[in-house]
Amino acid sequence: MVQVITDARHTLDLNVYYLSSNPILSALRRDHARGVKVQVILDQHPYGIKPWMVRREAWAVRETGASLHWAPARFAATDGHYRFDHAKLCGVWSRGGNRHRQFRLVRFS
């Protein structure tokens, strides 16, 4: 995931359930310093994670210069049940060899 983040040249949209990885946070900080528009979407109430840990996580993301957004608490599914945001996605706009912008969406498990 760090390489995908490092490849960003214009915008980076990252959606993860919980973010505590120092290498990823450092890569976000470097992107922001290079002028990349960095947006991070996190789950504000991840299951099994203490509130103080979520506050620390939010602080760490904001310290990178990224724009922090909270995912909706739950999504209604067509079967009447709810689904929670447990995605691990990274969308990157970068410049290709022919100077055209290229978009990559990477899903991590």
Protein backbone atom coordinates (compact mmCIF):
# COMPACT_ATOMS: atom_id res chain seq x y z
CA MET A 1 0.00 0.00 0.00
CA VAL A 2 2.90 2.38 0.71
CA GLN A 3 4.05 2.16 -2.93
CA VAL A 4 0.55 2.96 -4.21
CA ILE A 5 0.41 6.00 -1.90
CA THR A 6 3.88 7.10 -2.99
CA ASP A 7 2.84 6.93 -6.66
CA ALA A 8 0.14 9.60 -6.17
CA ARG A 9 0.82 12.85 -8.00
CA HIS A 10 -2.47 14.78 -7.89
CA THR A 11 -4.97 13.28 -5.47
CA LEU A 12 -5.07 10.36 -3.07
CA ASP A 13 -8.27 9.01 -1.53
CA LEU A 14 -7.76 6.38 1.14
CA ASN A 15 -10.58 4.50 2.85
CA VAL A 16 -9.58 2.15 5.67
CA TYR A 17 -11.27 0.75 8.74
CA TYR A 18 -8.48 1.71 11.15
CA LEU A 19 -5.12 3.34 10.42
CA SER A 20 -2.20 2.89 12.80
CA SER A 21 0.60 2.02 10.37
CA ASN A 22 3.54 4.42 10.73
CA PRO A 23 4.86 3.64 7.21
CA ILE A 24 1.46 4.51 5.71
CA LEU A 25 1.13 7.67 7.81
CA SER A 26 4.64 8.72 6.73
CA ALA A 27 3.77 8.13 3.07
CA LEU A 28 0.63 10.28 3.46
CA ARG A 29 2.73 13.03 5.05
CA ARG A 30 5.23 12.93 2.17
CA ASP A 31 2.43 13.07 -0.42
CA HIS A 32 0.87 16.09 1.28
CA ALA A 33 4.28 17.81 1.43
CA ARG A 34 4.64 17.24 -2.36
CA GLY A 35 1.30 18.99 -2.95
CA VAL A 36 -0.87 15.90 -3.40
CA LYS A 37 -4.46 16.43 -2.20
CA VAL A 38 -4.81 13.67 0.42
CA GLN A 39 -8.19 12.60 1.79
CA VAL A 40 -8.67 9.80 4.30
CA ILE A 41 -11.97 8.14 5.24
CA LEU A 42 -12.04 6.23 8.53
CA ASP A 43 -14.64 4.43 10.59
CA GLN A 44 -15.39 6.65 13.59
CA HIS A 45 -16.64 3.73 15.71
CA PRO A 46 -14.67 0.64 14.65
CA TYR A 47 -15.76 -2.51 16.42
CA GLY A 48 -13.44 -3.50 19.26
CA ILE A 49 -11.33 -0.33 19.10
CA LYS A 50 -11.30 1.90 22.19
CA PRO A 51 -12.44 5.55 21.74
CA TRP A 52 -9.05 6.91 22.87
CA MET A 53 -7.40 4.85 20.13
CA VAL A 54 -9.73 6.37 17.51
CA ARG A 55 -8.90 9.87 18.80
CA ARG A 56 -5.19 9.08 18.53
CA GLU A 57 -5.74 7.71 15.03
CA ALA A 58 -7.62 10.86 13.96
CA TRP A 59 -4.88 13.06 15.40
CA ALA A 60 -2.19 11.08 13.55
CA VAL A 61 -4.05 11.39 10.23
CA ARG A 62 -4.62 15.13 10.65
CA GLU A 63 -0.92 15.57 11.50
CA THR A 64 -0.04 14.27 8.03
CA GLY A 65 -1.89 17.23 6.50
CA ALA A 66 -4.58 14.96 5.08
CA SER A 67 -8.24 15.88 5.11
CA LEU A 68 -10.05 13.47 7.46
CA HIS A 69 -13.61 12.31 6.84
CA TRP A 70 -15.68 9.84 8.84
CA ALA A 71 -17.49 7.01 7.06
CA PRO A 72 -21.22 6.69 7.69
CA ALA A 73 -21.84 4.64 10.81
CA ARG A 74 -23.63 1.97 8.82
CA PHE A 75 -25.12 1.34 5.41
CA ALA A 76 -28.58 -0.11 4.83
CA ALA A 77 -28.49 -3.20 2.62
CA THR A 78 -31.31 -4.39 0.40
CA ASP A 79 -31.96 -7.40 2.65
CA GLY A 80 -32.91 -5.11 5.56
CA HIS A 81 -29.64 -5.66 7.41
CA TYR A 82 -26.86 -3.17 7.91
CA ARG A 83 -23.33 -3.32 6.61
CA PHE A 84 -20.40 -1.53 8.16
CA ASP A 85 -17.55 0.15 6.31
CA HIS A 86 -14.66 -2.29 6.48
CA ALA A 87 -13.16 -1.30 3.15
CA LYS A 88 -9.49 -0.95 2.41
CA LEU A 89 -9.39 1.13 -0.77
CA CYS A 90 -6.90 3.55 -2.23
CA GLY A 91 -7.71 5.73 -5.24
CA VAL A 92 -4.75 7.51 -6.84
CA TRP A 93 -4.55 10.07 -9.63
CA SER A 94 -1.10 10.06 -11.14
CA ARG A 95 0.49 11.23 -14.34
CA GLY A 96 1.26 8.65 -16.97
CA GLY A 97 4.25 8.58 -19.27
CA ASN A 98 2.36 10.45 -21.98
CA ARG A 99 1.45 13.27 -19.54
CA HIS A 100 -2.17 12.10 -19.28
CA ARG A 101 -3.66 11.56 -15.88
CA GLN A 102 -4.28 7.97 -14.88
CA PHE A 103 -6.57 6.74 -12.12
CA ARG A 104 -5.86 3.58 -10.12
CA LEU A 105 -8.22 2.07 -7.59
CA VAL A 106 -6.57 -0.55 -5.42
CA ARG A 107 -8.41 -2.78 -3.00
CA PHE A 108 -6.45 -4.34 -0.16
CA SER A 109 -7.54 -7.31 1.92
